[in-house]
């Protein structure tokens, strides 16, 4: 029993550390360090959930499950939240849009509309 080799001690320590890691790893949130979703996806999901809730409130009000005052309060609350999310979305879109590219696209659209108007005027 006294002839424990160093290799067996290292092997035993490795097994013990592996078991300890496997037992404790579910307690840590590893995905907190890895961000897989973007802010726009989170905003879109939240907006969709709020709009669904607004529809449910409307349905419950029409089915006389909630009072008129509760309906007004809830509707105003959720509409305010949806409006703020829509403003956030607009700000994110404004930040991600290339201004020069957008000006070029608008210029091309105006040119196409003008040529369409000219062709339409010639046909009369």
C-alpha atoms as a PDB file:
ATOM      1  CA  UNK A   1       0.000   0.000   0.000  1.00  0.00           C
ATOM      2  CA  UNK A   2       2.929   2.260   0.591  1.00  0.00           C
ATOM      3  CA  UNK A   3       4.232   1.764  -2.933  1.00  0.00           C
ATOM      4  CA  UNK A   4       1.839   4.234  -4.591  1.00  0.00           C
ATOM      5  CA  UNK A   5       3.485   5.423  -7.735  1.00  0.00           C
ATOM      6  CA  UNK A   6       3.455   9.003  -8.944  1.00  0.00           C
ATOM      7  CA  UNK A   7       1.660   7.974 -12.139  1.00  0.00           C
ATOM      8  CA  UNK A   8      -1.264   6.512 -10.211  1.00  0.00           C
ATOM      9  CA  UNK A   9      -1.482   9.672  -8.054  1.00  0.00           C
ATOM     10  CA  UNK A  10      -1.548  11.887 -11.168  1.00  0.00           C
ATOM     11  CA  UNK A  11      -4.137   9.617 -12.794  1.00  0.00           C
ATOM     12  CA  UNK A  12      -6.323   9.709  -9.666  1.00  0.00           C
ATOM     13  CA  UNK A  13      -6.044  13.509  -9.423  1.00  0.00           C
ATOM     14  CA  UNK A  14      -6.989  13.880 -13.106  1.00  0.00           C
ATOM     15  CA  UNK A  15     -10.050  11.678 -12.654  1.00  0.00           C
ATOM     16  CA  UNK A  16     -11.082  13.592  -9.509  1.00  0.00           C
ATOM     17  CA  UNK A  17     -10.715  16.978 -11.256  1.00  0.00           C
ATOM     18  CA  UNK A  18     -12.661  15.742 -14.282  1.00  0.00           C
ATOM     19  CA  UNK A  19     -15.502  14.517 -12.062  1.00  0.00           C
ATOM     20  CA  UNK A  20     -15.498  17.799 -10.142  1.00  0.00           C
ATOM     21  CA  UNK A  21     -15.665  19.769 -13.391  1.00  0.00           C
ATOM     22  CA  UNK A  22     -18.534  17.645 -14.723  1.00  0.00           C
ATOM     23  CA  UNK A  23     -20.465  18.060 -11.494  1.00  0.00           C
ATOM     24  CA  UNK A  24     -19.971  21.833 -11.186  1.00  0.00           C
ATOM     25  CA  UNK A  25     -20.177  22.861 -14.864  1.00  0.00           C
ATOM     26  CA  UNK A  26     -24.005  23.002 -15.014  1.00  0.00           C
ATOM     27  CA  UNK A  27     -23.938  25.582 -12.239  1.00  0.00           C
ATOM     28  CA  UNK A  28     -22.083  28.090 -14.417  1.00  0.00           C
ATOM     29  CA  UNK A  29     -23.682  29.872 -17.326  1.00  0.00           C
ATOM     30  CA  UNK A  30     -21.177  29.536 -20.113  1.00  0.00           C
ATOM     31  CA  UNK A  31     -23.528  31.091 -22.643  1.00  0.00           C
ATOM     32  CA  UNK A  32     -23.364  34.388 -20.737  1.00  0.00           C
ATOM     33  CA  UNK A  33     -19.931  34.877 -22.237  1.00  0.00           C
ATOM     34  CA  UNK A  34     -21.032  33.980 -25.739  1.00  0.00           C
ATOM     35  CA  UNK A  35     -23.588  36.269 -27.348  1.00  0.00           C
ATOM     36  CA  UNK A  36     -25.359  34.559 -30.201  1.00  0.00           C
ATOM     37  CA  UNK A  37     -28.391  36.787 -30.662  1.00  0.00           C
ATOM     38  CA  UNK A  38     -28.294  40.356 -31.824  1.00  0.00           C
ATOM     39  CA  UNK A  39     -30.111  43.253 -30.268  1.00  0.00           C
ATOM     40  CA  UNK A  40     -32.445  43.564 -33.240  1.00  0.00           C
ATOM     41  CA  UNK A  41     -33.574  39.956 -32.816  1.00  0.00           C
ATOM     42  CA  UNK A  42     -34.288  40.577 -29.141  1.00  0.00           C
ATOM     43  CA  UNK A  43     -36.201  43.749 -29.951  1.00  0.00           C
ATOM     44  CA  UNK A  44     -38.182  41.971 -32.671  1.00  0.00           C
ATOM     45  CA  UNK A  45     -39.110  39.128 -30.351  1.00  0.00           C
ATOM     46  CA  UNK A  46     -40.166  41.530 -27.608  1.00  0.00           C
ATOM     47  CA  UNK A  47     -42.215  43.605 -30.040  1.00  0.00           C
ATOM     48  CA  UNK A  48     -43.940  40.490 -31.371  1.00  0.00           C
ATOM     49  CA  UNK A  49     -44.783  39.364 -27.831  1.00  0.00           C
ATOM     50  CA  UNK A  50     -46.197  42.776 -26.932  1.00  0.00           C
ATOM     51  CA  UNK A  51     -48.323  42.910 -30.076  1.00  0.00           C
ATOM     52  CA  UNK A  52     -49.627  39.418 -29.342  1.00  0.00           C
ATOM     53  CA  UNK A  53     -50.494  40.535 -25.822  1.00  0.00           C
ATOM     54  CA  UNK A  54     -52.328  43.564 -27.218  1.00  0.00           C
ATOM     55  CA  UNK A  55     -54.373  41.265 -29.442  1.00  0.00           C
ATOM     56  CA  UNK A  56     -55.182  39.028 -26.488  1.00  0.00           C
ATOM     57  CA  UNK A  57     -56.288  42.016 -24.406  1.00  0.00           C
ATOM     58  CA  UNK A  58     -58.518  43.165 -27.258  1.00  0.00           C
ATOM     59  CA  UNK A  59     -60.010  39.681 -27.558  1.00  0.00           C
ATOM     60  CA  UNK A  60     -60.620  39.371 -23.813  1.00  0.00           C
ATOM     61  CA  UNK A  61     -62.277  42.793 -23.754  1.00  0.00           C
ATOM     62  CA  UNK A  62     -64.586  41.844 -26.607  1.00  0.00           C
ATOM     63  CA  UNK A  63     -65.447  38.616 -24.775  1.00  0.00           C
ATOM     64  CA  UNK A  64     -66.294  40.698 -21.643  1.00  0.00           C
ATOM     65  CA  UNK A  65     -63.583  39.006 -19.582  1.00  0.00           C
ATOM     66  CA  UNK A  66     -61.987  42.297 -18.489  1.00  0.00           C
ATOM     67  CA  UNK A  67     -63.565  45.630 -17.595  1.00  0.00           C
ATOM     68  CA  UNK A  68     -63.435  48.723 -19.772  1.00  0.00           C
ATOM     69  CA  UNK A  69     -61.119  50.571 -17.353  1.00  0.00           C
ATOM     70  CA  UNK A  70     -58.707  47.630 -17.143  1.00  0.00           C
ATOM     71  CA  UNK A  71     -58.775  47.365 -20.915  1.00  0.00           C
ATOM     72  CA  UNK A  72     -57.905  51.042 -21.370  1.00  0.00           C
ATOM     73  CA  UNK A  73     -55.077  50.920 -18.801  1.00  0.00           C
ATOM     74  CA  UNK A  74     -53.538  47.739 -20.208  1.00  0.00           C
ATOM     75  CA  UNK A  75     -53.905  48.870 -23.790  1.00  0.00           C
ATOM     76  CA  UNK A  76     -52.243  52.218 -23.074  1.00  0.00           C
ATOM     77  CA  UNK A  77     -49.420  50.504 -21.159  1.00  0.00           C
ATOM     78  CA  UNK A  78     -48.629  48.001 -23.920  1.00  0.00           C
ATOM     79  CA  UNK A  79     -48.996  50.561 -26.699  1.00  0.00           C
ATOM     80  CA  UNK A  80     -46.460  52.775 -24.920  1.00  0.00           C
ATOM     81  CA  UNK A  81     -44.017  49.872 -24.678  1.00  0.00           C
ATOM     82  CA  UNK A  82     -44.495  48.994 -28.354  1.00  0.00           C
ATOM     83  CA  UNK A  83     -43.930  52.623 -29.332  1.00  0.00           C
ATOM     84  CA  UNK A  84     -40.670  52.785 -27.385  1.00  0.00           C
ATOM     85  CA  UNK A  85     -39.478  49.541 -28.990  1.00  0.00           C
ATOM     86  CA  UNK A  86     -40.348  50.884 -32.429  1.00  0.00           C
ATOM     87  CA  UNK A  87     -38.283  54.003 -31.691  1.00  0.00           C
ATOM     88  CA  UNK A  88     -35.354  51.775 -30.664  1.00  0.00           C
ATOM     89  CA  UNK A  89     -35.709  49.799 -33.886  1.00  0.00           C
ATOM     90  CA  UNK A  90     -35.720  53.006 -35.901  1.00  0.00           C
ATOM     91  CA  UNK A  91     -32.567  54.209 -34.157  1.00  0.00           C
ATOM     92  CA  UNK A  92     -30.820  50.885 -34.802  1.00  0.00           C
ATOM     93  CA  UNK A  93     -31.820  51.005 -38.458  1.00  0.00           C
ATOM     94  CA  UNK A  94     -30.636  54.606 -38.769  1.00  0.00           C
ATOM     95  CA  UNK A  95     -27.255  53.636 -37.325  1.00  0.00           C
ATOM     96  CA  UNK A  96     -26.838  50.666 -39.623  1.00  0.00           C
ATOM     97  CA  UNK A  97     -27.846  52.439 -42.859  1.00  0.00           C
ATOM     98  CA  UNK A  98     -25.071  53.908 -44.972  1.00  0.00           C
ATOM     99  CA  UNK A  99     -26.120  57.504 -45.661  1.00  0.00           C
ATOM    100  CA  UNK A 100     -24.239  57.775 -48.972  1.00  0.00           C
ATOM    101  CA  UNK A 101     -25.699  54.526 -50.236  1.00  0.00           C
ATOM    102  CA  UNK A 102     -29.196  55.589 -49.223  1.00  0.00           C
ATOM    103  CA  UNK A 103     -28.796  58.926 -51.039  1.00  0.00           C
ATOM    104  CA  UNK A 104     -27.637  57.095 -54.157  1.00  0.00           C
ATOM    105  CA  UNK A 105     -30.604  54.724 -54.039  1.00  0.00           C
ATOM    106  CA  UNK A 106     -33.040  57.600 -53.579  1.00  0.00           C
ATOM    107  CA  UNK A 107     -31.432  59.422 -56.526  1.00  0.00           C
ATOM    108  CA  UNK A 108     -31.867  56.339 -58.740  1.00  0.00           C
ATOM    109  CA  UNK A 109     -35.495  55.996 -57.661  1.00  0.00           C
ATOM    110  CA  UNK A 110     -36.153  59.645 -58.495  1.00  0.00           C
ATOM    111  CA  UNK A 111     -34.531  59.185 -61.927  1.00  0.00           C
ATOM    112  CA  UNK A 112     -36.655  56.111 -62.635  1.00  0.00           C
ATOM    113  CA  UNK A 113     -39.812  57.917 -61.555  1.00  0.00           C
ATOM    114  CA  UNK A 114     -38.935  60.894 -63.748  1.00  0.00           C
ATOM    115  CA  UNK A 115     -38.270  58.664 -66.772  1.00  0.00           C
ATOM    116  CA  UNK A 116     -41.553  56.838 -66.125  1.00  0.00           C
ATOM    117  CA  UNK A 117     -43.416  60.160 -65.968  1.00  0.00           C
ATOM    118  CA  UNK A 118     -41.759  61.292 -69.211  1.00  0.00           C
ATOM    119  CA  UNK A 119     -42.714  58.046 -70.982  1.00  0.00           C
ATOM    120  CA  UNK A 120     -46.237  58.268 -69.652  1.00  0.00           C
ATOM    121  CA  UNK A 121     -46.516  61.865 -70.865  1.00  0.00           C
ATOM    122  CA  UNK A 122     -45.328  60.916 -74.377  1.00  0.00           C
ATOM    123  CA  UNK A 123     -47.967  58.211 -74.688  1.00  0.00           C
ATOM    124  CA  UNK A 124     -50.886  60.643 -74.322  1.00  0.00           C
END
